[in-house]
PDB file of N, CA and C in Angstrom:
ATOM      1  N   MET A   1      88.405  70.989  87.288  1.00  0.00           N
ATOM      2  CA  MET A   1      88.288  72.314  87.865  1.00  0.00           C
ATOM      3  C   MET A   1      89.154  72.385  89.118  1.00  0.00           C
ATOM      4  N   ASP A   2      90.068  73.338  89.185  1.00  0.00           N
ATOM      5  CA  ASP A   2      90.901  73.531  90.361  1.00  0.00           C
ATOM      6  C   ASP A   2      90.147  74.350  91.396  1.00  0.00           C
ATOM      7  N   VAL A   3      90.273  73.920  92.634  1.00  0.00           N
ATOM      8  CA  VAL A   3      89.665  74.651  93.740  1.00  0.00           C
ATOM      9  C   VAL A   3      90.774  75.453  94.411  1.00  0.00           C
ATOM     10  N   ALA A   4      90.516  76.722  94.666  1.00  0.00           N
ATOM     11  CA  ALA A   4      91.505  77.553  95.340  1.00  0.00           C
ATOM     12  C   ALA A   4      91.778  76.994  96.723  1.00  0.00           C
ATOM     13  N   GLN A   5      93.029  77.068  97.147  1.00  0.00           N
ATOM     14  CA  GLN A   5      93.346  76.599  98.486  1.00  0.00           C
ATOM     15  C   GLN A   5      92.725  77.525  99.519  1.00  0.00           C
ATOM     16  N   ARG A   6      92.163  76.913 100.551  1.00  0.00           N
ATOM     17  CA  ARG A   6      91.594  77.685 101.645  1.00  0.00           C
ATOM     18  C   ARG A   6      91.721  76.877 102.917  1.00  0.00           C
ATOM     19  N   GLN A   7      91.820  77.577 104.008  1.00  0.00           N
ATOM     20  CA  GLN A   7      92.096  76.967 105.298  1.00  0.00           C
ATOM     21  C   GLN A   7      90.874  77.077 106.203  1.00  0.00           C
ATOM     22  N   LEU A   8      90.601  75.987 106.917  1.00  0.00           N
ATOM     23  CA  LEU A   8      89.560  75.995 107.937  1.00  0.00           C
ATOM     24  C   LEU A   8      90.208  75.598 109.247  1.00  0.00           C
ATOM     25  N   ILE A   9      90.181  76.500 110.206  1.00  0.00           N
ATOM     26  CA  ILE A   9      90.707  76.204 111.539  1.00  0.00           C
ATOM     27  C   ILE A   9      89.533  75.725 112.374  1.00  0.00           C
ATOM     28  N   LEU A  10      89.624  74.499 112.829  1.00  0.00           N
ATOM     29  CA  LEU A  10      88.546  73.856 113.569  1.00  0.00           C
ATOM     30  C   LEU A  10      88.969  73.741 115.030  1.00  0.00           C
ATOM     31  N   ASN A  11      88.305  74.516 115.898  1.00  0.00           N
ATOM     32  CA  ASN A  11      88.615  74.535 117.320  1.00  0.00           C
ATOM     33  C   ASN A  11      87.691  73.568 118.045  1.00  0.00           C
ATOM     34  N   VAL A  12      88.240  72.428 118.427  1.00  0.00           N
ATOM     35  CA  VAL A  12      87.444  71.372 119.069  1.00  0.00           C
ATOM     36  C   VAL A  12      88.288  70.639 120.104  1.00  0.00           C
ATOM     37  N   ARG A  13      87.613  69.979 121.017  1.00  0.00           N
ATOM     38  CA  ARG A  13      88.303  69.086 121.966  1.00  0.00           C
ATOM     39  C   ARG A  13      88.487  67.712 121.319  1.00  0.00           C
ATOM     40  N   ASN A  14      87.470  67.228 120.627  1.00  0.00           N
ATOM     41  CA  ASN A  14      87.523  65.930 119.948  1.00  0.00           C
ATOM     42  C   ASN A  14      87.014  66.128 118.530  1.00  0.00           C
ATOM     43  N   SER A  15      87.890  65.918 117.561  1.00  0.00           N
ATOM     44  CA  SER A  15      87.489  66.154 116.171  1.00  0.00           C
ATOM     45  C   SER A  15      86.729  64.965 115.605  1.00  0.00           C
ATOM     46  N   SER A  16      85.897  65.257 114.638  1.00  0.00           N
ATOM     47  CA  SER A  16      85.117  64.247 113.938  1.00  0.00           C
ATOM     48  C   SER A  16      85.763  63.980 112.585  1.00  0.00           C
ATOM     49  N   GLU A  17      86.182  62.743 112.366  1.00  0.00           N
ATOM     50  CA  GLU A  17      86.785  62.393 111.080  1.00  0.00           C
ATOM     51  C   GLU A  17      85.807  62.610 109.932  1.00  0.00           C
ATOM     52  N   THR A  18      84.539  62.336 110.183  1.00  0.00           N
ATOM     53  CA  THR A  18      83.515  62.510 109.150  1.00  0.00           C
ATOM     54  C   THR A  18      83.388  63.979 108.771  1.00  0.00           C
ATOM     55  N   LEU A  19      83.318  64.855 109.770  1.00  0.00           N
ATOM     56  CA  LEU A  19      83.198  66.291 109.508  1.00  0.00           C
ATOM     57  C   LEU A  19      84.418  66.794 108.742  1.00  0.00           C
ATOM     58  N   CYS A  20      85.603  66.412 109.200  1.00  0.00           N
ATOM     59  CA  CYS A  20      86.827  66.846 108.520  1.00  0.00           C
ATOM     60  C   CYS A  20      86.859  66.359 107.074  1.00  0.00           C
ATOM     61  N   ALA A  21      86.483  65.119 106.857  1.00  0.00           N
ATOM     62  CA  ALA A  21      86.481  64.561 105.500  1.00  0.00           C
ATOM     63  C   ALA A  21      85.536  65.336 104.594  1.00  0.00           C
ATOM     64  N   ARG A  22      84.390  65.746 105.108  1.00  0.00           N
ATOM     65  CA  ARG A  22      83.442  66.506 104.280  1.00  0.00           C
ATOM     66  C   ARG A  22      83.995  67.862 103.873  1.00  0.00           C
ATOM     67  N   PHE A  23      84.672  68.533 104.793  1.00  0.00           N
ATOM     68  CA  PHE A  23      85.286  69.812 104.432  1.00  0.00           C
ATOM     69  C   PHE A  23      86.428  69.604 103.442  1.00  0.00           C
ATOM     70  N   GLU A  24      87.245  68.568 103.656  1.00  0.00           N
ATOM     71  CA  GLU A  24      88.353  68.298 102.747  1.00  0.00           C
ATOM     72  C   GLU A  24      87.853  67.969 101.345  1.00  0.00           C
ATOM     73  N   GLU A  25      86.732  67.253 101.238  1.00  0.00           N
ATOM     74  CA  GLU A  25      86.142  66.945  99.931  1.00  0.00           C
ATOM     75  C   GLU A  25      85.761  68.214  99.183  1.00  0.00           C
ATOM     76  N   ARG A  26      85.496  69.266  99.913  1.00  0.00           N
ATOM     77  CA  ARG A  26      85.081  70.540  99.312  1.00  0.00           C
ATOM     78  C   ARG A  26      86.239  71.529  99.174  1.00  0.00           C
ATOM     79  N   GLY A  27      87.462  71.016  99.316  1.00  0.00           N
ATOM     80  CA  GLY A  27      88.635  71.840  99.042  1.00  0.00           C
ATOM     81  C   GLY A  27      89.198  72.604 100.220  1.00  0.00           C
ATOM     82  N   TRP A  28      88.773  72.286 101.431  1.00  0.00           N
ATOM     83  CA  TRP A  28      89.299  72.978 102.610  1.00  0.00           C
ATOM     84  C   TRP A  28      90.508  72.235 103.153  1.00  0.00           C
ATOM     85  N   GLN A  29      91.519  72.974 103.546  1.00  0.00           N
ATOM     86  CA  GLN A  29      92.682  72.433 104.255  1.00  0.00           C
ATOM     87  C   GLN A  29      92.375  72.596 105.738  1.00  0.00           C
ATOM     88  N   ILE A  30      92.230  71.493 106.469  1.00  0.00           N
ATOM     89  CA  ILE A  30      91.776  71.519 107.852  1.00  0.00           C
ATOM     90  C   ILE A  30      92.957  71.613 108.808  1.00  0.00           C
ATOM     91  N   GLU A  31      92.842  72.518 109.763  1.00  0.00           N
ATOM     92  CA  GLU A  31      93.790  72.627 110.877  1.00  0.00           C
ATOM     93  C   GLU A  31      92.963  72.420 112.144  1.00  0.00           C
ATOM     94  N   ILE A  32      93.251  71.367 112.904  1.00  0.00           N
ATOM     95  CA  ILE A  32      92.512  71.088 114.135  1.00  0.00           C
ATOM     96  C   ILE A  32      93.328  71.618 115.304  1.00  0.00           C
ATOM     97  N   VAL A  33      92.703  72.475 116.091  1.00  0.00           N
ATOM     98  CA  VAL A  33      93.353  73.078 117.253  1.00  0.00           C
ATOM     99  C   VAL A  33      92.398  73.024 118.439  1.00  0.00           C
ATOM    100  N   SER A  34      92.944  73.254 119.635  1.00  0.00           N
ATOM    101  CA  SER A  34      92.079  73.200 120.812  1.00  0.00           C
ATOM    102  C   SER A  34      92.277  74.374 121.758  1.00  0.00           C
ATOM    103  N   SER A  35      92.978  75.414 121.287  1.00  0.00           N
ATOM    104  CA  SER A  35      93.172  76.593 122.138  1.00  0.00           C
ATOM    105  C   SER A  35      93.324  77.834 121.263  1.00  0.00           C
ATOM    106  N   ALA A  36      93.138  78.985 121.898  1.00  0.00           N
ATOM    107  CA  ALA A  36      93.309  80.247 121.185  1.00  0.00           C
ATOM    108  C   ALA A  36      94.755  80.404 120.723  1.00  0.00           C
ATOM    109  N   ARG A  37      95.686  79.984 121.549  1.00  0.00           N
ATOM    110  CA  ARG A  37      97.106  80.081 121.186  1.00  0.00           C
ATOM    111  C   ARG A  37      97.385  79.268 119.925  1.00  0.00           C
ATOM    112  N   ASP A  38      96.863  78.043 119.881  1.00  0.00           N
ATOM    113  CA  ASP A  38      97.070  77.200 118.705  1.00  0.00           C
ATOM    114  C   ASP A  38      96.371  77.760 117.477  1.00  0.00           C
ATOM    115  N   THR A  39      95.248  78.448 117.684  1.00  0.00           N
ATOM    116  CA  THR A  39      94.543  79.092 116.571  1.00  0.00           C
ATOM    117  C   THR A  39      95.441  80.143 115.933  1.00  0.00           C
ATOM    118  N   ARG A  40      96.048  80.979 116.769  1.00  0.00           N
ATOM    119  CA  ARG A  40      96.939  82.024 116.243  1.00  0.00           C
ATOM    120  C   ARG A  40      98.142  81.418 115.518  1.00  0.00           C
ATOM    121  N   LYS A  41      98.666  80.307 116.026  1.00  0.00           N
ATOM    122  CA  LYS A  41      99.804  79.648 115.376  1.00  0.00           C
ATOM    123  C   LYS A  41      99.413  79.065 114.017  1.00  0.00           C
ATOM    124  N   ALA A  42      98.198  78.545 113.926  1.00  0.00           N
ATOM    125  CA  ALA A  42      97.751  77.870 112.697  1.00  0.00           C
ATOM    126  C   ALA A  42      97.347  78.847 111.600  1.00  0.00           C
ATOM    127  N   TRP A  43      97.007  80.074 111.961  1.00  0.00           N
ATOM    128  CA  TRP A  43      96.490  81.051 111.001  1.00  0.00           C
ATOM    129  C   TRP A  43      97.516  81.341 109.919  1.00  0.00           C
ATOM    130  N   ARG A  44      97.092  81.258 108.655  1.00  0.00           N
ATOM    131  CA  ARG A  44      97.975  81.539 107.528  1.00  0.00           C
ATOM    132  C   ARG A  44      97.429  82.729 106.757  1.00  0.00           C
ATOM    133  N   ASN A  45      98.268  83.726 106.581  1.00  0.00           N
ATOM    134  CA  ASN A  45      97.857  84.924 105.856  1.00  0.00           C
ATOM    135  C   ASN A  45      97.835  84.720 104.348  1.00  0.00           C
ATOM    136  N   ASP A  46      98.465  83.645 103.857  1.00  0.00           N
ATOM    137  CA  ASP A  46      98.555  83.438 102.418  1.00  0.00           C
ATOM    138  C   ASP A  46      97.400  82.614 101.852  1.00  0.00           C
ATOM    139  N   LEU A  47      96.439  82.228 102.700  1.00  0.00           N
ATOM    140  CA  LEU A  47      95.278  81.462 102.247  1.00  0.00           C
ATOM    141  C   LEU A  47      93.986  82.148 102.685  1.00  0.00           C
ATOM    142  N   ALA A  48      92.946  81.956 101.897  1.00  0.00           N
ATOM    143  CA  ALA A  48      91.617  82.349 102.368  1.00  0.00           C
ATOM    144  C   ALA A  48      91.318  81.451 103.560  1.00  0.00           C
ATOM    145  N   SER A  49      90.857  82.022 104.651  1.00  0.00           N
ATOM    146  CA  SER A  49      90.701  81.250 105.879  1.00  0.00           C
ATOM    147  C   SER A  49      89.350  81.473 106.534  1.00  0.00           C
ATOM    148  N   GLY A  50      88.947  80.454 107.265  1.00  0.00           N
ATOM    149  CA  GLY A  50      87.739  80.527 108.078  1.00  0.00           C
ATOM    150  C   GLY A  50      87.961  79.713 109.333  1.00  0.00           C
ATOM    151  N   GLY A  51      87.075  79.847 110.270  1.00  0.00           N
ATOM    152  CA  GLY A  51      87.222  79.107 111.512  1.00  0.00           C
ATOM    153  C   GLY A  51      85.885  78.683 112.076  1.00  0.00           C
ATOM    154  N   LEU A  52      85.904  77.552 112.752  1.00  0.00           N
ATOM    155  CA  LEU A  52      84.730  77.054 113.466  1.00  0.00           C
ATOM    156  C   LEU A  52      85.139  76.773 114.899  1.00  0.00           C
ATOM    157  N   LEU A  53      84.318  77.224 115.837  1.00  0.00           N
ATOM    158  CA  LEU A  53      84.540  76.982 117.252  1.00  0.00           C
ATOM    159  C   LEU A  53      83.406  76.090 117.743  1.00  0.00           C
ATOM    160  N   ASP A  54      83.735  74.880 118.132  1.00  0.00           N
ATOM    161  CA  ASP A  54      82.739  73.908 118.578  1.00  0.00           C
ATOM    162  C   ASP A  54      82.376  74.188 120.031  1.00  0.00           C
ATOM    163  N   LEU A  55      81.259  74.858 120.236  1.00  0.00           N
ATOM    164  CA  LEU A  55      80.848  75.220 121.588  1.00  0.00           C
ATOM    165  C   LEU A  55      80.425  74.016 122.415  1.00  0.00           C
ATOM    166  N   SER A  56      80.134  72.901 121.778  1.00  0.00           N
ATOM    167  CA  SER A  56      79.800  71.693 122.538  1.00  0.00           C
ATOM    168  C   SER A  56      81.047  71.054 123.149  1.00  0.00           C
ATOM    169  N   SER A  57      82.225  71.607 122.851  1.00  0.00           N
ATOM    170  CA  SER A  57      83.468  71.098 123.426  1.00  0.00           C
ATOM    171  C   SER A  57      83.686  71.577 124.857  1.00  0.00           C
ATOM    172  N   HIS A  58      82.768  72.380 125.361  1.00  0.00           N
ATOM    173  CA  HIS A  58      82.787  72.836 126.754  1.00  0.00           C
ATOM    174  C   HIS A  58      84.060  73.598 127.116  1.00  0.00           C
ATOM    175  N   PHE A  59      84.382  74.604 126.304  1.00  0.00           N
ATOM    176  CA  PHE A  59      85.484  75.486 126.637  1.00  0.00           C
ATOM    177  C   PHE A  59      85.085  76.313 127.854  1.00  0.00           C
ATOM    178  N   GLU A  60      86.047  76.620 128.707  1.00  0.00           N
ATOM    179  CA  GLU A  60      85.790  77.472 129.860  1.00  0.00           C
ATOM    180  C   GLU A  60      85.672  78.918 129.395  1.00  0.00           C
ATOM    181  N   SER A  61      85.028  79.754 130.204  1.00  0.00           N
ATOM    182  CA  SER A  61      84.820  81.163 129.842  1.00  0.00           C
ATOM    183  C   SER A  61      86.130  81.863 129.526  1.00  0.00           C
ATOM    184  N   ARG A  62      87.152  81.615 130.321  1.00  0.00           N
ATOM    185  CA  ARG A  62      88.450  82.273 130.075  1.00  0.00           C
ATOM    186  C   ARG A  62      89.065  81.819 128.754  1.00  0.00           C
ATOM    187  N   GLU A  63      88.810  80.560 128.372  1.00  0.00           N
ATOM    188  CA  GLU A  63      89.321  80.061 127.093  1.00  0.00           C
ATOM    189  C   GLU A  63      88.591  80.726 125.940  1.00  0.00           C
ATOM    190  N   LEU A  64      87.275  80.850 126.055  1.00  0.00           N
ATOM    191  CA  LEU A  64      86.490  81.493 124.996  1.00  0.00           C
ATOM    192  C   LEU A  64      86.894  82.949 124.827  1.00  0.00           C
ATOM    193  N   ALA A  65      87.162  83.627 125.934  1.00  0.00           N
ATOM    194  CA  ALA A  65      87.557  85.033 125.865  1.00  0.00           C
ATOM    195  C   ALA A  65      88.891  85.217 125.144  1.00  0.00           C
ATOM    196  N   ALA A  66      89.725  84.191 125.131  1.00  0.00           N
ATOM    197  CA  ALA A  66      91.046  84.282 124.496  1.00  0.00           C
ATOM    198  C   ALA A  66      91.000  84.095 122.989  1.00  0.00           C
ATOM    199  N   PHE A  67      89.915  83.530 122.453  1.00  0.00           N
ATOM    200  CA  PHE A  67      89.842  83.334 121.008  1.00  0.00           C
ATOM    201  C   PHE A  67      89.693  84.674 120.311  1.00  0.00           C
ATOM    202  N   PRO A  68      90.381  84.847 119.191  1.00  0.00           N
ATOM    203  CA  PRO A  68      90.260  86.118 118.457  1.00  0.00           C
ATOM    204  C   PRO A  68      88.844  86.294 117.923  1.00  0.00           C
ATOM    205  N   SER A  69      88.319  87.490 118.075  1.00  0.00           N
ATOM    206  CA  SER A  69      86.953  87.737 117.586  1.00  0.00           C
ATOM    207  C   SER A  69      86.948  88.229 116.149  1.00  0.00           C
ATOM    208  N   ASN A  70      88.057  88.749 115.678  1.00  0.00           N
ATOM    209  CA  ASN A  70      88.143  89.160 114.274  1.00  0.00           C
ATOM    210  C   ASN A  70      89.606  89.267 113.879  1.00  0.00           C
ATOM    211  N   ARG A  71      89.848  89.346 112.599  1.00  0.00           N
ATOM    212  CA  ARG A  71      91.213  89.482 112.087  1.00  0.00           C
ATOM    213  C   ARG A  71      91.259  90.682 111.168  1.00  0.00           C
ATOM    214  N   PRO A  72      92.329  91.479 111.254  1.00  0.00           N
ATOM    215  CA  PRO A  72      92.458  92.634 110.343  1.00  0.00           C
ATOM    216  C   PRO A  72      92.694  92.197 108.916  1.00  0.00           C
TER     217      PRO A  72
END
């Protein structure tokens, strides 16, 4: 069974290899980023996409405000 390609943008300060491996096992293409700017660069319009923001990474308020809240 082929799994459709899909992208997961993971916004973290320190990524977990275990977490990434679990998403990859389920057909997700992982992009690890640590800023809103990098999130926008990683976003691909040609794939189904999702994102996770790790709030335990202690982003500053100004950094959180810069993350996109939705995509058209």
